[in-house]
């Protein structure tokens, strides 16, 4: 167990230490998503430990072995409060907080999706180029909305402002988000963040995943023979003129890691990760996935082992008079 805990802790910390800005986007996303999953599983395992294993320890028995009527003077009937009962109730607090966090995350995601649908319903002007949807607004907006049937949104301001090369690059970038199924990765990251938010670094992990997904969409657009500088131009314009009322469920073209992405796009000869380094990162990502799967199997096993025993050990008799 100590070795597994050390490996899990290393898996959570490693992506924060490594320089992944220029790693392959899929490798970087795998590392950060595994780190998020390990955070969430650690929170679940901590709740299982508190509910089933901590009450069996001598430390818990010692800390809760008290009665209020023996500490404070007063009528015995009014002070019939026992330490073990209070301790047992307090053990449910982390689990309640964990479930509440997940519920809040689901509600927030649902509201964001509803806001995205409202944006589509209220501002649609017609069909745009390459099967996109034109929405009103003078700002430059390119985004993908929808989970089951995603649609590319293009603002009227973008159509009026951008040239053909910029428009084609932006549309292919958004098409990359759809083709690479990035929406499901973001949905998974949101759920894991809602569970593992108590572990430090969770917000940064979620931001890094969004950044590398944008890099992946940039590469998709470049593979479609779009001009590198045209894509950089439209990213910059989108970042500086995006509408503040855009809901979070509609991630715009310039929403994550704009400066680093522009720096990579402006390079005439983009620097690539060395083959040995890339192979090491790929192996590390595979190892992280394996650790995550093993840890995932350990959580229900721990729950079954804990539920099969009696956590209270029949210790509620010391306050009887």
C-alpha atoms as a PDB file:
ATOM      1  CA  UNK A   1       0.000   0.000   0.000  1.00  0.00           C
ATOM      2  CA  UNK A   2       2.855   2.385   0.814  1.00  0.00           C
ATOM      3  CA  UNK A   3       4.470   1.690  -2.558  1.00  0.00           C
ATOM      4  CA  UNK A   4       1.162   2.222  -4.378  1.00  0.00           C
ATOM      5  CA  UNK A   5       0.596   5.483  -2.496  1.00  0.00           C
ATOM      6  CA  UNK A   6       4.072   6.695  -3.474  1.00  0.00           C
ATOM      7  CA  UNK A   7       3.469   5.807  -7.138  1.00  0.00           C
ATOM      8  CA  UNK A   8       0.103   7.573  -7.128  1.00  0.00           C
ATOM      9  CA  UNK A   9       1.620  10.675  -5.513  1.00  0.00           C
ATOM     10  CA  UNK A  10       4.379  10.674  -8.126  1.00  0.00           C
ATOM     11  CA  UNK A  11       1.786  10.327 -10.887  1.00  0.00           C
ATOM     12  CA  UNK A  12      -0.107  13.342  -9.567  1.00  0.00           C
ATOM     13  CA  UNK A  13       3.016  15.510  -9.305  1.00  0.00           C
ATOM     14  CA  UNK A  14       4.960  14.461 -12.430  1.00  0.00           C
ATOM     15  CA  UNK A  15       3.027  16.508 -15.041  1.00  0.00           C
ATOM     16  CA  UNK A  16       3.628  19.621 -12.932  1.00  0.00           C
ATOM     17  CA  UNK A  17       7.374  19.016 -13.031  1.00  0.00           C
ATOM     18  CA  UNK A  18       7.807  18.030 -16.666  1.00  0.00           C
ATOM     19  CA  UNK A  19       8.036  20.586 -19.455  1.00  0.00           C
ATOM     20  CA  UNK A  20       5.172  19.515 -21.694  1.00  0.00           C
ATOM     21  CA  UNK A  21       4.567  22.719 -23.662  1.00  0.00           C
ATOM     22  CA  UNK A  22       6.096  21.185 -26.790  1.00  0.00           C
ATOM     23  CA  UNK A  23       5.300  17.537 -26.175  1.00  0.00           C
ATOM     24  CA  UNK A  24       2.877  15.783 -28.480  1.00  0.00           C
ATOM     25  CA  UNK A  25      -0.585  17.067 -27.500  1.00  0.00           C
ATOM     26  CA  UNK A  26      -2.022  13.557 -27.102  1.00  0.00           C
ATOM     27  CA  UNK A  27       0.835  12.572 -24.772  1.00  0.00           C
ATOM     28  CA  UNK A  28       0.471  15.732 -22.704  1.00  0.00           C
ATOM     29  CA  UNK A  29      -3.308  15.349 -22.435  1.00  0.00           C
ATOM     30  CA  UNK A  30      -2.893  11.716 -21.354  1.00  0.00           C
ATOM     31  CA  UNK A  31      -0.444  12.691 -18.609  1.00  0.00           C
ATOM     32  CA  UNK A  32      -2.576  15.547 -17.280  1.00  0.00           C
ATOM     33  CA  UNK A  33      -5.824  13.570 -17.516  1.00  0.00           C
ATOM     34  CA  UNK A  34      -4.230  10.660 -15.644  1.00  0.00           C
ATOM     35  CA  UNK A  35      -3.077  13.104 -12.989  1.00  0.00           C
ATOM     36  CA  UNK A  36      -6.640  14.380 -12.641  1.00  0.00           C
ATOM     37  CA  UNK A  37      -7.991  10.830 -12.449  1.00  0.00           C
ATOM     38  CA  UNK A  38      -5.501   9.926  -9.719  1.00  0.00           C
ATOM     39  CA  UNK A  39      -6.586  13.014  -7.774  1.00  0.00           C
ATOM     40  CA  UNK A  40     -10.238  12.022  -8.003  1.00  0.00           C
ATOM     41  CA  UNK A  41      -9.553   8.384  -7.090  1.00  0.00           C
ATOM     42  CA  UNK A  42      -7.435   9.500  -4.139  1.00  0.00           C
ATOM     43  CA  UNK A  43     -10.378  11.521  -2.842  1.00  0.00           C
ATOM     44  CA  UNK A  44     -12.727   8.561  -3.199  1.00  0.00           C
ATOM     45  CA  UNK A  45     -10.258   6.231  -1.485  1.00  0.00           C
ATOM     46  CA  UNK A  46      -9.820   8.726   1.358  1.00  0.00           C
ATOM     47  CA  UNK A  47     -13.589   8.734   1.923  1.00  0.00           C
ATOM     48  CA  UNK A  48     -13.625   4.905   1.934  1.00  0.00           C
ATOM     49  CA  UNK A  49     -10.798   4.864   4.485  1.00  0.00           C
ATOM     50  CA  UNK A  50     -12.605   7.324   6.753  1.00  0.00           C
ATOM     51  CA  UNK A  51     -15.874   5.408   6.601  1.00  0.00           C
ATOM     52  CA  UNK A  52     -14.664   1.842   6.961  1.00  0.00           C
ATOM     53  CA  UNK A  53     -11.089   1.637   8.212  1.00  0.00           C
ATOM     54  CA  UNK A  54     -10.456   4.614  10.506  1.00  0.00           C
ATOM     55  CA  UNK A  55     -13.166   3.569  13.035  1.00  0.00           C
ATOM     56  CA  UNK A  56     -11.284   0.283  13.559  1.00  0.00           C
ATOM     57  CA  UNK A  57      -8.072   1.975  14.666  1.00  0.00           C
ATOM     58  CA  UNK A  58      -6.963   2.589  18.237  1.00  0.00           C
ATOM     59  CA  UNK A  59      -6.388   6.254  17.414  1.00  0.00           C
ATOM     60  CA  UNK A  60     -10.043   6.774  16.529  1.00  0.00           C
ATOM     61  CA  UNK A  61     -11.122   4.837  19.624  1.00  0.00           C
ATOM     62  CA  UNK A  62      -8.920   6.998  21.838  1.00  0.00           C
ATOM     63  CA  UNK A  63     -10.001  10.312  20.327  1.00  0.00           C
ATOM     64  CA  UNK A  64     -13.710   9.525  20.595  1.00  0.00           C
ATOM     65  CA  UNK A  65     -13.689   7.758  23.965  1.00  0.00           C
ATOM     66  CA  UNK A  66     -15.458  10.467  25.922  1.00  0.00           C
ATOM     67  CA  UNK A  67     -18.904  11.413  27.189  1.00  0.00           C
ATOM     68  CA  UNK A  68     -20.154  14.961  27.455  1.00  0.00           C
ATOM     69  CA  UNK A  69     -21.866  14.457  30.807  1.00  0.00           C
ATOM     70  CA  UNK A  70     -18.512  13.474  32.325  1.00  0.00           C
ATOM     71  CA  UNK A  71     -16.876  16.700  31.069  1.00  0.00           C
ATOM     72  CA  UNK A  72     -19.573  19.327  31.623  1.00  0.00           C
ATOM     73  CA  UNK A  73     -21.813  19.470  34.673  1.00  0.00           C
ATOM     74  CA  UNK A  74     -25.518  19.472  34.012  1.00  0.00           C
ATOM     75  CA  UNK A  75     -28.609  17.311  33.891  1.00  0.00           C
ATOM     76  CA  UNK A  76     -27.606  13.874  32.681  1.00  0.00           C
ATOM     77  CA  UNK A  77     -30.575  13.544  30.335  1.00  0.00           C
ATOM     78  CA  UNK A  78     -29.585  16.717  28.478  1.00  0.00           C
ATOM     79  CA  UNK A  79     -25.880  15.849  28.197  1.00  0.00           C
ATOM     80  CA  UNK A  80     -26.209  12.298  26.919  1.00  0.00           C
ATOM     81  CA  UNK A  81     -23.709  12.933  24.092  1.00  0.00           C
ATOM     82  CA  UNK A  82     -21.158  10.255  23.320  1.00  0.00           C
ATOM     83  CA  UNK A  83     -17.822  10.731  21.561  1.00  0.00           C
ATOM     84  CA  UNK A  84     -18.084   7.623  19.393  1.00  0.00           C
ATOM     85  CA  UNK A  85     -21.434   8.703  17.979  1.00  0.00           C
ATOM     86  CA  UNK A  86     -20.140  12.182  17.190  1.00  0.00           C
ATOM     87  CA  UNK A  87     -17.042  10.665  15.606  1.00  0.00           C
ATOM     88  CA  UNK A  88     -19.111   8.311  13.475  1.00  0.00           C
ATOM     89  CA  UNK A  89     -21.212  11.218  12.219  1.00  0.00           C
ATOM     90  CA  UNK A  90     -18.140  13.313  11.399  1.00  0.00           C
ATOM     91  CA  UNK A  91     -16.797  10.513   9.194  1.00  0.00           C
ATOM     92  CA  UNK A  92     -19.652  11.080   6.738  1.00  0.00           C
ATOM     93  CA  UNK A  93     -18.752  14.758   6.197  1.00  0.00           C
ATOM     94  CA  UNK A  94     -15.986  14.202   3.562  1.00  0.00           C
ATOM     95  CA  UNK A  95     -18.225  11.830   1.607  1.00  0.00           C
ATOM     96  CA  UNK A  96     -21.078  14.331   1.644  1.00  0.00           C
ATOM     97  CA  UNK A  97     -18.707  17.080   0.478  1.00  0.00           C
ATOM     98  CA  UNK A  98     -17.430  14.846  -2.332  1.00  0.00           C
ATOM     99  CA  UNK A  99     -20.934  14.008  -3.545  1.00  0.00           C
ATOM    100  CA  UNK A 100     -21.991  17.653  -3.253  1.00  0.00           C
ATOM    101  CA  UNK A 101     -18.976  18.731  -5.344  1.00  0.00           C
ATOM    102  CA  UNK A 102     -19.899  16.256  -8.059  1.00  0.00           C
ATOM    103  CA  UNK A 103     -23.525  17.413  -8.031  1.00  0.00           C
ATOM    104  CA  UNK A 104     -22.471  21.062  -8.247  1.00  0.00           C
ATOM    105  CA  UNK A 105     -20.173  20.210 -11.163  1.00  0.00           C
ATOM    106  CA  UNK A 106     -22.988  18.410 -12.981  1.00  0.00           C
ATOM    107  CA  UNK A 107     -25.393  21.294 -12.405  1.00  0.00           C
ATOM    108  CA  UNK A 108     -22.819  23.817 -13.620  1.00  0.00           C
ATOM    109  CA  UNK A 109     -22.101  21.763 -16.734  1.00  0.00           C
ATOM    110  CA  UNK A 110     -25.818  21.450 -17.433  1.00  0.00           C
ATOM    111  CA  UNK A 111     -26.304  25.208 -17.073  1.00  0.00           C
ATOM    112  CA  UNK A 112     -23.394  25.923 -19.397  1.00  0.00           C
ATOM    113  CA  UNK A 113     -24.823  23.534 -21.977  1.00  0.00           C
ATOM    114  CA  UNK A 114     -28.205  25.239 -21.662  1.00  0.00           C
ATOM    115  CA  UNK A 115     -26.562  28.630 -22.142  1.00  0.00           C
ATOM    116  CA  UNK A 116     -24.864  27.325 -25.281  1.00  0.00           C
ATOM    117  CA  UNK A 117     -28.205  26.104 -26.640  1.00  0.00           C
ATOM    118  CA  UNK A 118     -29.737  29.474 -25.837  1.00  0.00           C
ATOM    119  CA  UNK A 119     -26.935  31.173 -27.730  1.00  0.00           C
ATOM    120  CA  UNK A 120     -27.669  29.004 -30.734  1.00  0.00           C
ATOM    121  CA  UNK A 121     -31.401  29.530 -30.507  1.00  0.00           C
ATOM    122  CA  UNK A 122     -31.379  33.286 -30.022  1.00  0.00           C
ATOM    123  CA  UNK A 123     -28.524  34.446 -32.251  1.00  0.00           C
ATOM    124  CA  UNK A 124     -28.502  32.121 -35.259  1.00  0.00           C
ATOM    125  CA  UNK A 125     -28.557  34.062 -38.510  1.00  0.00           C
ATOM    126  CA  UNK A 126     -28.227  31.195 -40.948  1.00  0.00           C
ATOM    127  CA  UNK A 127     -25.848  28.606 -42.327  1.00  0.00           C
ATOM    128  CA  UNK A 128     -22.243  29.598 -42.834  1.00  0.00           C
ATOM    129  CA  UNK A 129     -19.324  28.233 -44.847  1.00  0.00           C
ATOM    130  CA  UNK A 130     -18.466  24.539 -44.611  1.00  0.00           C
ATOM    131  CA  UNK A 131     -21.688  23.648 -42.768  1.00  0.00           C
ATOM    132  CA  UNK A 132     -21.069  26.092 -39.925  1.00  0.00           C
ATOM    133  CA  UNK A 133     -23.675  28.189 -38.127  1.00  0.00           C
ATOM    134  CA  UNK A 134     -23.562  31.981 -38.262  1.00  0.00           C
ATOM    135  CA  UNK A 135     -24.369  33.785 -35.011  1.00  0.00           C
ATOM    136  CA  UNK A 136     -24.829  37.495 -34.492  1.00  0.00           C
ATOM    137  CA  UNK A 137     -22.167  39.793 -33.111  1.00  0.00           C
ATOM    138  CA  UNK A 138     -19.416  42.082 -34.336  1.00  0.00           C
ATOM    139  CA  UNK A 139     -16.703  40.254 -32.373  1.00  0.00           C
ATOM    140  CA  UNK A 140     -14.584  37.505 -33.922  1.00  0.00           C
ATOM    141  CA  UNK A 141     -15.892  34.202 -32.611  1.00  0.00           C
ATOM    142  CA  UNK A 142     -15.156  30.645 -33.685  1.00  0.00           C
ATOM    143  CA  UNK A 143     -16.297  27.851 -31.404  1.00  0.00           C
ATOM    144  CA  UNK A 144     -17.875  24.404 -31.185  1.00  0.00           C
ATOM    145  CA  UNK A 145     -21.185  23.951 -29.366  1.00  0.00           C
ATOM    146  CA  UNK A 146     -22.994  20.717 -28.651  1.00  0.00           C
ATOM    147  CA  UNK A 147     -22.030  17.312 -27.315  1.00  0.00           C
ATOM    148  CA  UNK A 148     -24.001  14.759 -29.354  1.00  0.00           C
ATOM    149  CA  UNK A 149     -24.314  16.834 -32.522  1.00  0.00           C
ATOM    150  CA  UNK A 150     -21.568  19.465 -32.317  1.00  0.00           C
ATOM    151  CA  UNK A 151     -21.796  22.490 -34.583  1.00  0.00           C
ATOM    152  CA  UNK A 152     -19.181  25.057 -35.536  1.00  0.00           C
ATOM    153  CA  UNK A 153     -20.201  28.609 -34.631  1.00  0.00           C
ATOM    154  CA  UNK A 154     -18.950  31.553 -36.657  1.00  0.00           C
ATOM    155  CA  UNK A 155     -19.815  35.115 -35.769  1.00  0.00           C
ATOM    156  CA  UNK A 156     -20.954  37.597 -38.392  1.00  0.00           C
ATOM    157  CA  UNK A 157     -18.069  39.829 -37.347  1.00  0.00           C
ATOM    158  CA  UNK A 158     -15.599  37.089 -38.226  1.00  0.00           C
ATOM    159  CA  UNK A 159     -17.069  36.664 -41.702  1.00  0.00           C
ATOM    160  CA  UNK A 160     -16.891  40.404 -42.289  1.00  0.00           C
ATOM    161  CA  UNK A 161     -13.369  40.896 -40.935  1.00  0.00           C
ATOM    162  CA  UNK A 162     -11.241  37.877 -41.840  1.00  0.00           C
ATOM    163  CA  UNK A 163      -9.720  37.012 -45.182  1.00  0.00           C
ATOM    164  CA  UNK A 164     -10.150  33.649 -46.869  1.00  0.00           C
ATOM    165  CA  UNK A 165      -6.959  32.107 -45.457  1.00  0.00           C
ATOM    166  CA  UNK A 166      -7.815  33.101 -41.892  1.00  0.00           C
ATOM    167  CA  UNK A 167     -11.383  31.861 -42.245  1.00  0.00           C
ATOM    168  CA  UNK A 168     -10.286  28.485 -43.640  1.00  0.00           C
ATOM    169  CA  UNK A 169      -7.676  28.004 -40.892  1.00  0.00           C
ATOM    170  CA  UNK A 170     -10.146  28.854 -38.140  1.00  0.00           C
ATOM    171  CA  UNK A 171     -12.823  26.528 -39.503  1.00  0.00           C
ATOM    172  CA  UNK A 172     -10.352  23.648 -39.773  1.00  0.00           C
ATOM    173  CA  UNK A 173      -9.198  24.319 -36.205  1.00  0.00           C
ATOM    174  CA  UNK A 174     -12.751  23.949 -34.937  1.00  0.00           C
ATOM    175  CA  UNK A 175     -13.295  20.933 -37.153  1.00  0.00           C
ATOM    176  CA  UNK A 176     -10.271  19.432 -35.451  1.00  0.00           C
ATOM    177  CA  UNK A 177     -11.994  19.736 -32.071  1.00  0.00           C
ATOM    178  CA  UNK A 178     -14.928  17.753 -33.441  1.00  0.00           C
ATOM    179  CA  UNK A 179     -12.911  15.145 -35.323  1.00  0.00           C
ATOM    180  CA  UNK A 180     -10.607  14.521 -32.351  1.00  0.00           C
ATOM    181  CA  UNK A 181     -13.541  14.273 -29.896  1.00  0.00           C
ATOM    182  CA  UNK A 182     -12.113  16.928 -27.591  1.00  0.00           C
ATOM    183  CA  UNK A 183     -15.526  17.657 -26.079  1.00  0.00           C
ATOM    184  CA  UNK A 184     -15.555  14.267 -24.356  1.00  0.00           C
ATOM    185  CA  UNK A 185     -12.068  14.837 -22.945  1.00  0.00           C
ATOM    186  CA  UNK A 186     -13.163  18.191 -21.528  1.00  0.00           C
ATOM    187  CA  UNK A 187     -16.307  16.641 -20.065  1.00  0.00           C
ATOM    188  CA  UNK A 188     -14.212  13.931 -18.368  1.00  0.00           C
ATOM    189  CA  UNK A 189     -11.768  16.523 -17.054  1.00  0.00           C
ATOM    190  CA  UNK A 190     -14.647  18.568 -15.633  1.00  0.00           C
ATOM    191  CA  UNK A 191     -16.068  15.548 -13.787  1.00  0.00           C
ATOM    192  CA  UNK A 192     -12.665  14.548 -12.398  1.00  0.00           C
ATOM    193  CA  UNK A 193     -11.971  18.116 -11.309  1.00  0.00           C
ATOM    194  CA  UNK A 194     -15.274  18.219  -9.433  1.00  0.00           C
ATOM    195  CA  UNK A 195     -14.215  15.151  -7.433  1.00  0.00           C
ATOM    196  CA  UNK A 196     -10.528  15.907  -6.943  1.00  0.00           C
ATOM    197  CA  UNK A 197     -10.705  19.668  -6.342  1.00  0.00           C
ATOM    198  CA  UNK A 198      -9.358  19.294  -2.798  1.00  0.00           C
ATOM    199  CA  UNK A 199      -5.981  18.074  -4.068  1.00  0.00           C
ATOM    200  CA  UNK A 200      -3.709  21.065  -4.889  1.00  0.00           C
ATOM    201  CA  UNK A 201      -3.052  21.682  -8.571  1.00  0.00           C
ATOM    202  CA  UNK A 202      -6.403  20.468  -9.892  1.00  0.00           C
ATOM    203  CA  UNK A 203      -7.310  23.756 -11.558  1.00  0.00           C
ATOM    204  CA  UNK A 204      -3.953  23.969 -13.278  1.00  0.00           C
ATOM    205  CA  UNK A 205      -4.337  20.403 -14.558  1.00  0.00           C
ATOM    206  CA  UNK A 206      -7.707  21.307 -16.097  1.00  0.00           C
ATOM    207  CA  UNK A 207      -6.209  24.437 -17.715  1.00  0.00           C
ATOM    208  CA  UNK A 208      -3.302  22.459 -19.142  1.00  0.00           C
ATOM    209  CA  UNK A 209      -5.674  19.923 -20.683  1.00  0.00           C
ATOM    210  CA  UNK A 210      -7.599  22.733 -22.402  1.00  0.00           C
ATOM    211  CA  UNK A 211      -4.312  24.237 -23.633  1.00  0.00           C
ATOM    212  CA  UNK A 212      -3.036  21.002 -25.170  1.00  0.00           C
ATOM    213  CA  UNK A 213      -6.404  20.306 -26.794  1.00  0.00           C
ATOM    214  CA  UNK A 214      -6.107  23.687 -28.498  1.00  0.00           C
ATOM    215  CA  UNK A 215      -2.597  22.751 -29.631  1.00  0.00           C
ATOM    216  CA  UNK A 216      -3.970  19.502 -31.028  1.00  0.00           C
ATOM    217  CA  UNK A 217      -6.626  21.414 -32.975  1.00  0.00           C
ATOM    218  CA  UNK A 218      -3.932  23.803 -34.250  1.00  0.00           C
ATOM    219  CA  UNK A 219      -1.941  20.845 -35.577  1.00  0.00           C
ATOM    220  CA  UNK A 220      -5.063  19.425 -37.193  1.00  0.00           C
ATOM    221  CA  UNK A 221      -5.567  22.707 -39.034  1.00  0.00           C
ATOM    222  CA  UNK A 222      -1.950  22.813 -40.182  1.00  0.00           C
ATOM    223  CA  UNK A 223      -2.168  19.259 -41.501  1.00  0.00           C
ATOM    224  CA  UNK A 224      -5.011  20.490 -43.713  1.00  0.00           C
ATOM    225  CA  UNK A 225      -2.457  22.716 -45.498  1.00  0.00           C
ATOM    226  CA  UNK A 226      -3.580  25.950 -43.870  1.00  0.00           C
ATOM    227  CA  UNK A 227      -1.188  28.851 -43.618  1.00  0.00           C
ATOM    228  CA  UNK A 228       0.602  28.939 -40.245  1.00  0.00           C
ATOM    229  CA  UNK A 229       0.588  32.731 -39.995  1.00  0.00           C
ATOM    230  CA  UNK A 230      -3.092  32.932 -40.988  1.00  0.00           C
ATOM    231  CA  UNK A 231      -3.985  30.601 -38.126  1.00  0.00           C
ATOM    232  CA  UNK A 232      -1.846  32.626 -35.721  1.00  0.00           C
ATOM    233  CA  UNK A 233      -3.528  35.813 -36.898  1.00  0.00           C
ATOM    234  CA  UNK A 234      -7.067  34.548 -36.343  1.00  0.00           C
ATOM    235  CA  UNK A 235      -6.130  33.138 -32.906  1.00  0.00           C
ATOM    236  CA  UNK A 236      -4.800  36.543 -31.885  1.00  0.00           C
ATOM    237  CA  UNK A 237      -7.844  38.359 -33.221  1.00  0.00           C
ATOM    238  CA  UNK A 238     -10.235  35.912 -31.552  1.00  0.00           C
ATOM    239  CA  UNK A 239      -8.466  36.272 -28.204  1.00  0.00           C
ATOM    240  CA  UNK A 240      -8.628  40.054 -28.250  1.00  0.00           C
ATOM    241  CA  UNK A 241     -12.180  40.499 -29.516  1.00  0.00           C
ATOM    242  CA  UNK A 242     -14.121  37.503 -28.120  1.00  0.00           C
ATOM    243  CA  UNK A 243     -17.519  38.314 -26.661  1.00  0.00           C
ATOM    244  CA  UNK A 244     -17.533  38.410 -22.824  1.00  0.00           C
ATOM    245  CA  UNK A 245     -21.033  36.896 -22.788  1.00  0.00           C
ATOM    246  CA  UNK A 246     -19.902  33.658 -24.438  1.00  0.00           C
ATOM    247  CA  UNK A 247     -20.847  30.752 -22.113  1.00  0.00           C
ATOM    248  CA  UNK A 248     -18.059  28.493 -20.799  1.00  0.00           C
ATOM    249  CA  UNK A 249     -19.487  25.545 -22.736  1.00  0.00           C
ATOM    250  CA  UNK A 250     -18.578  27.394 -25.944  1.00  0.00           C
ATOM    251  CA  UNK A 251     -14.764  27.425 -25.892  1.00  0.00           C
ATOM    252  CA  UNK A 252     -13.558  30.002 -28.405  1.00  0.00           C
ATOM    253  CA  UNK A 253     -10.550  29.751 -30.689  1.00  0.00           C
ATOM    254  CA  UNK A 254      -8.423  32.004 -28.489  1.00  0.00           C
ATOM    255  CA  UNK A 255      -9.489  30.724 -25.089  1.00  0.00           C
ATOM    256  CA  UNK A 256      -6.424  28.829 -23.812  1.00  0.00           C
ATOM    257  CA  UNK A 257      -2.654  29.306 -23.891  1.00  0.00           C
ATOM    258  CA  UNK A 258      -2.740  31.942 -26.602  1.00  0.00           C
ATOM    259  CA  UNK A 259       0.787  33.302 -26.051  1.00  0.00           C
ATOM    260  CA  UNK A 260       2.488  29.893 -26.132  1.00  0.00           C
ATOM    261  CA  UNK A 261       0.450  28.743 -29.125  1.00  0.00           C
ATOM    262  CA  UNK A 262       1.303  31.912 -31.043  1.00  0.00           C
ATOM    263  CA  UNK A 263       4.972  31.473 -30.204  1.00  0.00           C
ATOM    264  CA  UNK A 264       4.931  27.979 -31.667  1.00  0.00           C
ATOM    265  CA  UNK A 265       3.018  29.043 -34.778  1.00  0.00           C
ATOM    266  CA  UNK A 266       5.305  32.009 -35.519  1.00  0.00           C
ATOM    267  CA  UNK A 267       8.395  29.780 -35.669  1.00  0.00           C
ATOM    268  CA  UNK A 268       9.517  29.307 -39.260  1.00  0.00           C
ATOM    269  CA  UNK A 269      11.000  25.928 -38.331  1.00  0.00           C
ATOM    270  CA  UNK A 270       9.008  24.612 -35.374  1.00  0.00           C
ATOM    271  CA  UNK A 271      11.096  22.875 -32.744  1.00  0.00           C
ATOM    272  CA  UNK A 272      10.182  19.249 -32.306  1.00  0.00           C
ATOM    273  CA  UNK A 273      10.673  17.120 -29.240  1.00  0.00           C
ATOM    274  CA  UNK A 274      13.716  14.873 -29.586  1.00  0.00           C
ATOM    275  CA  UNK A 275      12.824  11.289 -30.520  1.00  0.00           C
ATOM    276  CA  UNK A 276      14.343   9.898 -27.319  1.00  0.00           C
ATOM    277  CA  UNK A 277      12.435  12.429 -25.212  1.00  0.00           C
ATOM    278  CA  UNK A 278       9.209  11.762 -27.106  1.00  0.00           C
ATOM    279  CA  UNK A 279       9.613   8.010 -26.607  1.00  0.00           C
ATOM    280  CA  UNK A 280      10.249   8.511 -22.887  1.00  0.00           C
ATOM    281  CA  UNK A 281       7.166  10.709 -22.532  1.00  0.00           C
ATOM    282  CA  UNK A 282       5.037   8.186 -24.434  1.00  0.00           C
ATOM    283  CA  UNK A 283       6.273   5.403 -22.155  1.00  0.00           C
ATOM    284  CA  UNK A 284       5.554   7.558 -19.105  1.00  0.00           C
ATOM    285  CA  UNK A 285       2.034   8.272 -20.403  1.00  0.00           C
ATOM    286  CA  UNK A 286       1.430   4.544 -20.895  1.00  0.00           C
ATOM    287  CA  UNK A 287       2.705   3.904 -17.368  1.00  0.00           C
ATOM    288  CA  UNK A 288       0.408   6.603 -15.978  1.00  0.00           C
ATOM    289  CA  UNK A 289      -2.572   5.006 -17.681  1.00  0.00           C
ATOM    290  CA  UNK A 290      -1.596   1.616 -16.230  1.00  0.00           C
ATOM    291  CA  UNK A 291      -1.247   3.071 -12.718  1.00  0.00           C
ATOM    292  CA  UNK A 292      -4.616   4.795 -13.089  1.00  0.00           C
ATOM    293  CA  UNK A 293      -6.298   1.546 -14.117  1.00  0.00           C
ATOM    294  CA  UNK A 294      -4.695  -0.372 -11.241  1.00  0.00           C
ATOM    295  CA  UNK A 295      -5.707   2.330  -8.782  1.00  0.00           C
ATOM    296  CA  UNK A 296      -9.224   2.320 -10.223  1.00  0.00           C
ATOM    297  CA  UNK A 297      -9.468  -1.430  -9.518  1.00  0.00           C
ATOM    298  CA  UNK A 298      -8.106  -0.893  -5.990  1.00  0.00           C
ATOM    299  CA  UNK A 299     -10.876   1.551  -5.021  1.00  0.00           C
ATOM    300  CA  UNK A 300     -13.865  -0.871  -5.288  1.00  0.00           C
ATOM    301  CA  UNK A 301     -11.706  -3.622  -3.762  1.00  0.00           C
ATOM    302  CA  UNK A 302     -11.069  -1.388  -0.764  1.00  0.00           C
ATOM    303  CA  UNK A 303     -14.783  -0.567  -0.529  1.00  0.00           C
ATOM    304  CA  UNK A 304     -15.717  -4.258  -0.509  1.00  0.00           C
ATOM    305  CA  UNK A 305     -13.057  -5.069   2.072  1.00  0.00           C
ATOM    306  CA  UNK A 306     -14.192  -2.214   4.284  1.00  0.00           C
ATOM    307  CA  UNK A 307     -17.894  -2.994   4.000  1.00  0.00           C
ATOM    308  CA  UNK A 308     -17.316  -6.654   4.858  1.00  0.00           C
ATOM    309  CA  UNK A 309     -16.108  -5.747   8.354  1.00  0.00           C
ATOM    310  CA  UNK A 310     -17.761  -4.038  11.284  1.00  0.00           C
ATOM    311  CA  UNK A 311     -16.194  -0.588  11.621  1.00  0.00           C
ATOM    312  CA  UNK A 312     -17.729   0.154  14.996  1.00  0.00           C
ATOM    313  CA  UNK A 313     -16.527  -2.913  16.897  1.00  0.00           C
ATOM    314  CA  UNK A 314     -19.389  -2.578  19.395  1.00  0.00           C
ATOM    315  CA  UNK A 315     -17.746   0.217  21.363  1.00  0.00           C
ATOM    316  CA  UNK A 316     -20.769   2.258  22.350  1.00  0.00           C
ATOM    317  CA  UNK A 317     -21.109   1.048  25.891  1.00  0.00           C
ATOM    318  CA  UNK A 318     -18.793   3.238  27.883  1.00  0.00           C
ATOM    319  CA  UNK A 319     -21.334   6.031  28.463  1.00  0.00           C
ATOM    320  CA  UNK A 320     -24.029   3.820  29.877  1.00  0.00           C
ATOM    321  CA  UNK A 321     -25.013   4.585  33.442  1.00  0.00           C
END
